[in-house]
Protein backbone atom coordinates (compact mmCIF):
# COMPACT_ATOMS: atom_id res chain seq x y z
CA MET A 1 0.00 0.00 0.00
CA ALA A 2 1.31 3.41 -1.01
CA THR A 3 2.19 5.67 1.86
CA PRO A 4 1.41 9.42 1.82
CA ARG A 5 5.16 10.12 1.49
CA ASN A 6 5.43 7.90 -1.60
CA ILE A 7 2.37 9.52 -3.13
CA GLU A 8 3.80 12.98 -2.47
CA LYS A 9 7.15 11.98 -4.01
CA LYS A 10 5.38 10.52 -7.04
CA ASN A 11 3.37 13.72 -7.53
CA HIS A 12 6.55 15.77 -7.20
CA ASP A 13 8.27 13.66 -9.85
CA ILE A 14 5.29 14.06 -12.17
CA ASN A 15 5.26 17.84 -11.69
CA GLN A 16 9.04 18.01 -12.22
CA ALA A 17 8.76 16.01 -15.43
CA GLN A 18 5.97 18.29 -16.66
CA GLU A 19 8.06 21.39 -15.87
CA ASN A 20 11.03 19.93 -17.76
CA LYS A 21 8.78 19.17 -20.71
CA ASP A 22 7.36 22.72 -20.69
CA GLU A 23 10.88 24.19 -20.49
CA SER A 24 12.00 22.03 -23.40
CA ASN A 25 9.00 23.16 -25.45
CA ARG A 26 9.79 26.81 -24.68
CA ASN A 27 13.39 26.36 -25.78
CA VAL A 28 12.28 24.77 -29.02
CA LYS A 29 9.85 27.63 -29.65
CA ASP A 30 12.52 30.23 -28.83
CA LYS A 31 14.99 28.62 -31.23
CA SER A 32 12.33 28.35 -33.92
CA SER A 33 11.31 31.99 -33.40
CA SER A 34 14.95 33.12 -33.49
CA ALA A 35 15.59 31.18 -36.70
CA GLU A 36 12.46 32.63 -38.31
CA SER A 37 13.48 36.14 -37.20
CA SER A 38 17.00 35.74 -38.62
CA THR A 39 15.65 34.36 -41.88
CA GLY A 40 13.21 37.26 -42.11
CA ALA A 41 15.99 39.80 -41.51
CA VAL A 42 18.18 38.23 -44.22
CA MET A 43 15.23 38.28 -46.63
CA ILE A 44 14.63 41.96 -45.90
CA ILE A 45 18.29 42.79 -46.56
CA ALA A 46 18.23 40.77 -49.79
CA CYS A 47 15.10 42.64 -50.93
CA ILE A 48 16.68 46.00 -50.10
CA PHE A 49 19.80 45.07 -52.05
CA VAL A 50 17.79 43.93 -55.08
CA ALA A 51 15.64 47.09 -54.96
CA SER A 52 18.76 49.28 -54.73
CA ALA A 53 20.43 47.45 -57.61
CA PHE A 54 17.23 47.88 -59.65
CA ALA A 55 17.28 51.62 -58.93
CA LEU A 56 20.85 51.76 -60.26
CA PHE A 57 19.72 49.82 -63.33
CA LEU A 58 16.94 52.36 -63.94
CA VAL A 59 19.46 55.20 -63.67
CA TYR A 60 21.57 53.46 -66.30
CA MET A 61 18.58 52.75 -68.55
CA TYR A 62 17.33 56.35 -68.47
CA SER A 63 20.77 57.88 -68.86
CA PRO A 64 21.57 59.78 -72.08
CA ASN A 65 22.31 57.75 -75.20
CA LEU A 66 25.99 56.96 -74.96
CA GLU A 67 28.44 56.09 -77.65
CA GLU A 68 29.74 52.52 -77.68
CA ASN A 69 33.24 53.50 -76.54
CA GLU A 70 31.75 55.41 -73.56
CA LYS A 71 29.51 52.71 -72.12
CA LYS A 72 32.38 50.71 -70.63
CA TYR A 73 33.27 53.65 -68.38
CA ILE A 74 29.75 54.05 -66.90
CA ARG A 75 30.47 52.14 -63.71
CA VAL A 76 31.79 52.78 -60.24
CA PRO A 77 35.45 53.84 -60.65
CA THR A 78 38.01 51.63 -58.94
CA ASN A 79 41.05 53.77 -59.71
CA ILE A 80 41.88 57.35 -60.64
CA ASP A 81 42.05 56.58 -64.37
CA ASP A 82 38.48 55.23 -64.32
CA ALA A 83 37.40 58.36 -62.43
CA LYS A 84 39.02 60.57 -65.07
CA GLU A 85 37.28 58.80 -67.95
CA LEU A 86 33.93 58.82 -66.14
CA GLY A 87 34.40 62.50 -65.27
CA LYS A 88 35.02 63.42 -68.90
CA ILE A 89 31.87 61.63 -70.07
CA LEU A 90 29.59 62.95 -67.32
CA SER A 91 30.97 66.47 -67.70
CA ARG A 92 30.05 66.48 -71.37
CA TYR A 93 26.53 65.15 -70.83
CA LYS A 94 25.93 67.27 -67.72
CA ARG A 95 25.24 70.37 -69.82
CA ARG A 96 22.10 68.83 -71.36
CA TYR A 97 21.19 66.21 -68.74
CA TYR A 98 22.15 67.94 -65.51
CA TYR A 99 19.49 66.41 -63.26
CA GLN A 100 19.96 62.90 -64.65
CA VAL A 101 23.68 63.11 -63.89
CA LEU A 102 23.01 64.57 -60.43
CA PHE A 103 20.42 61.90 -59.58
CA GLY A 104 22.63 59.09 -60.88
CA TYR A 105 25.53 60.32 -58.75
CA PHE A 106 23.25 60.60 -55.71
CA ILE A 107 21.86 57.06 -56.01
CA SER A 108 25.26 55.50 -56.76
CA TYR A 109 26.94 57.10 -53.75
CA ILE A 110 24.18 56.04 -51.35
CA PHE A 111 24.28 52.49 -52.74
CA LEU A 112 28.03 52.19 -52.07
CA GLN A 113 27.69 53.58 -48.56
CA SER A 114 24.66 51.44 -47.67
CA PHE A 115 26.39 48.15 -48.45
CA ALA A 116 29.95 49.19 -47.51
CA ILE A 117 31.18 48.76 -51.10
CA PRO A 118 34.58 50.38 -51.84
CA GLY A 119 34.71 53.25 -54.33
CA SER A 120 33.06 56.20 -52.60
CA ILE A 121 36.42 58.04 -52.34
CA PHE A 122 36.55 58.24 -56.15
CA LEU A 123 32.97 59.54 -56.25
CA SER A 124 33.92 62.21 -53.72
CA ILE A 125 36.83 63.28 -55.92
CA LEU A 126 34.56 63.16 -58.97
CA SER A 127 32.03 65.49 -57.35
CA GLY A 128 34.66 68.24 -57.21
CA PHE A 129 35.16 67.88 -60.94
CA LEU A 130 31.45 67.84 -61.85
CA PHE A 131 29.74 70.29 -59.49
CA PRO A 132 30.38 73.65 -57.81
CA PHE A 133 32.31 73.24 -54.57
CA PRO A 134 29.46 74.10 -52.11
CA LEU A 135 27.03 71.75 -53.88
CA ALA A 136 29.64 68.99 -54.10
CA LEU A 137 30.42 69.23 -50.38
CA PHE A 138 26.75 69.22 -49.38
CA LEU A 139 26.02 66.34 -51.75
CA VAL A 140 28.85 64.16 -50.42
CA CYS A 141 27.91 64.87 -46.78
CA LEU A 142 24.24 64.14 -47.43
CA CYS A 143 24.92 60.94 -49.38
CA SER A 144 27.35 59.78 -46.70
CA GLY A 145 24.83 60.46 -43.94
CA ILE A 146 21.95 58.71 -45.72
CA GLY A 147 24.03 55.76 -46.93
CA ALA A 148 25.67 55.24 -43.54
CA SER A 149 22.23 55.39 -41.88
CA PHE A 150 20.95 52.67 -44.23
CA CYS A 151 24.01 50.57 -43.34
CA TYR A 152 23.23 51.25 -39.65
CA LEU A 153 19.67 49.97 -40.12
CA LEU A 154 20.83 46.88 -42.01
CA SER A 155 23.26 46.10 -39.20
CA TYR A 156 20.46 46.64 -36.69
CA LEU A 157 18.40 43.95 -38.43
CA VAL A 158 21.09 41.28 -38.41
CA GLY A 159 24.35 42.37 -36.78
CA LYS A 160 22.91 43.38 -33.40
CA ARG A 161 21.26 40.00 -32.90
CA LEU A 162 24.43 38.08 -33.81
CA VAL A 163 26.73 40.17 -31.62
CA ASN A 164 24.35 39.98 -28.65
CA LYS A 165 24.22 36.21 -29.08
CA TYR A 166 27.96 35.51 -29.38
CA LEU A 167 29.46 38.44 -27.42
CA PRO A 168 26.85 39.29 -24.77
CA GLN A 169 29.33 40.35 -22.07
CA LYS A 170 31.39 42.56 -24.38
CA THR A 171 28.24 44.13 -25.79
CA ALA A 172 26.93 44.90 -22.31
CA GLU A 173 30.29 46.40 -21.31
CA TRP A 174 30.53 48.58 -24.43
CA SER A 175 26.91 49.66 -24.07
CA ARG A 176 27.57 50.82 -20.49
CA ILE A 177 30.52 52.90 -21.72
CA ILE A 178 28.33 54.44 -24.43
CA GLU A 179 25.61 55.15 -21.86
CA ARG A 180 28.09 57.00 -19.62
CA GLN A 181 29.23 59.12 -22.57
CA LYS A 182 25.77 59.66 -24.11
CA ASP A 183 26.05 63.46 -23.71
CA ASN A 184 29.25 63.45 -25.77
CA LEU A 185 28.37 60.87 -28.43
CA LEU A 186 27.92 63.45 -31.18
CA HIS A 187 31.46 64.78 -30.70
CA TYR A 188 32.94 61.28 -30.64
CA ILE A 189 31.13 60.31 -33.86
CA ILE A 190 32.42 63.47 -35.55
CA PHE A 191 35.95 62.74 -34.31
CA LEU A 192 35.87 59.15 -35.60
CA ARG A 193 34.58 60.29 -39.00
CA ILE A 194 37.36 62.85 -39.38
CA THR A 195 40.20 60.58 -38.26
CA PRO A 196 41.30 57.33 -39.94
CA PHE A 197 41.50 55.35 -36.68
CA LEU A 198 38.43 53.21 -37.50
CA PRO A 199 37.07 52.35 -40.97
CA ASN A 200 33.74 53.95 -41.79
CA TRP A 201 32.10 50.58 -42.45
CA PHE A 202 33.10 49.42 -38.94
CA ILE A 203 31.53 52.52 -37.37
CA ASN A 204 28.34 51.97 -39.40
CA ILE A 205 27.99 48.33 -38.39
CA THR A 206 28.87 48.61 -34.69
CA SER A 207 26.89 51.77 -33.83
CA PRO A 208 23.45 50.07 -33.65
CA VAL A 209 24.95 47.23 -31.62
CA LEU A 210 26.16 49.77 -29.04
CA ASN A 211 22.81 51.58 -29.01
CA VAL A 212 24.07 54.81 -30.56
CA PRO A 213 20.90 56.78 -31.45
CA LEU A 214 20.30 57.01 -35.20
CA SER A 215 19.72 60.78 -35.08
CA ILE A 216 23.10 61.41 -33.42
CA PHE A 217 24.72 58.92 -35.79
CA PHE A 218 23.35 60.73 -38.87
CA ILE A 219 24.23 64.24 -37.68
CA GLY A 220 27.70 63.16 -36.55
CA THR A 221 28.32 61.48 -39.90
CA PHE A 222 27.03 64.46 -41.91
CA ILE A 223 29.32 66.87 -40.04
CA GLY A 224 32.25 64.50 -39.54
CA VAL A 225 32.75 63.55 -43.19
CA ALA A 226 32.93 67.21 -44.25
CA PRO A 227 36.66 67.82 -43.53
CA PRO A 228 37.98 64.71 -45.37
CA SER A 229 35.44 65.32 -48.14
CA PHE A 230 36.71 68.89 -48.40
CA VAL A 231 40.16 67.47 -49.20
CA ALA A 232 38.83 64.96 -51.75
CA ILE A 233 36.57 67.51 -53.49
CA HIS A 234 39.39 70.03 -53.69
CA ALA A 235 41.52 67.35 -55.35
CA GLY A 236 38.66 66.72 -57.78
CA THR A 237 38.89 70.27 -59.09
CA MET A 238 42.29 69.21 -60.45
CA LEU A 239 41.23 65.72 -61.49
CA HIS A 240 43.13 65.78 -64.76
CA LYS A 241 46.41 66.26 -62.85
CA LEU A 242 45.96 63.35 -60.43
CA THR A 243 47.77 60.06 -61.01
CA SER A 244 46.32 58.20 -58.00
CA SER A 245 43.87 58.77 -55.14
CA SER A 246 46.83 59.24 -52.77
CA ASP A 247 47.68 62.46 -54.63
CA ALA A 248 44.68 64.01 -52.88
CA ILE A 249 46.51 63.69 -49.56
CA SER A 250 49.27 66.13 -48.66
CA TYR A 251 50.95 67.25 -45.45
CA LYS A 252 48.78 70.36 -45.55
CA SER A 253 45.56 68.36 -45.83
CA ILE A 254 46.67 66.03 -43.00
CA GLY A 255 47.32 69.09 -40.84
CA VAL A 256 43.88 70.49 -41.63
CA LEU A 257 42.22 67.18 -40.71
CA ALA A 258 44.19 67.06 -37.45
CA VAL A 259 43.00 70.56 -36.53
CA PHE A 260 39.37 69.63 -37.22
CA ALA A 261 39.71 66.38 -35.24
CA ILE A 262 41.08 68.24 -32.19
CA ALA A 263 38.40 70.91 -32.54
CA SER A 264 35.68 68.24 -32.49
CA LEU A 265 36.80 67.14 -29.01
CA LEU A 266 37.24 70.61 -27.52
CA PRO A 267 33.57 70.91 -26.40
CA ILE A 268 34.01 67.72 -24.34
CA LEU A 269 37.16 69.10 -22.72
CA PHE A 270 35.49 72.45 -21.91
CA LYS A 271 32.44 70.67 -20.53
CA HIS A 272 34.58 68.58 -18.17
CA ARG A 273 36.53 71.66 -17.08
CA LEU A 274 33.34 73.56 -16.30
CA LYS A 275 31.86 70.61 -14.43
CA ALA A 276 35.03 70.22 -12.35
CA LYS A 277 35.11 73.95 -11.64
CA PHE A 278 31.52 74.16 -10.39
CA ASN A 279 31.75 70.92 -8.44
């Protein structure tokens, strides 16, 4: 005959088994939900890429009728010689098809920035050859800000989930540092954009992981890319004299960038000095 203690133990074992079963079912559901979410994010990115590539295709299709020997140069330049040939062609057609050329440049630059594809430096140089300096500078800053923001959002869809999964402790640590410096984030973003310490694609991909607000990210990018873009655009005004993209860099331009980089951090220094003084 079963004793009350045996009955109680049996009921406890049954309850424990049921709890283990429920926990196992929850884990299976979580894994299934995570897999579906990851698949959905990849599909969204693939759709965005296809839509962007289609937009570039439309730009090409509705571009002016080109001669056969010109068509091979209508692509993203990978060296200074390609940029020169493309600049000559676009400069000639710009007189009659100004807005088509402007729109094509705009879409191409954003596409490169959004998917971290190399070549935007040559487009920055090219803008100085094609457009008036103020317009070229504004155009490069705007395209950089929009394209980098798209890259930020793409990373938010996929990168943040992966980093949180495989580097949870590091992510939490970095996020705490960002939280402590949230009042100075704009200045740090500007500084990183001016200086070559971190690649732009790395900043774009890691910012959403570290919970940098998109508004601060966009403004910091728009302002921060202006000094290096100033150098590239100025070089573009003498495009025909350049032999490589490195010709755009001189000791004078490096000095100018250094001054802007230091200036971007001065508000943080003054803020700390004032805080220490009043405390």
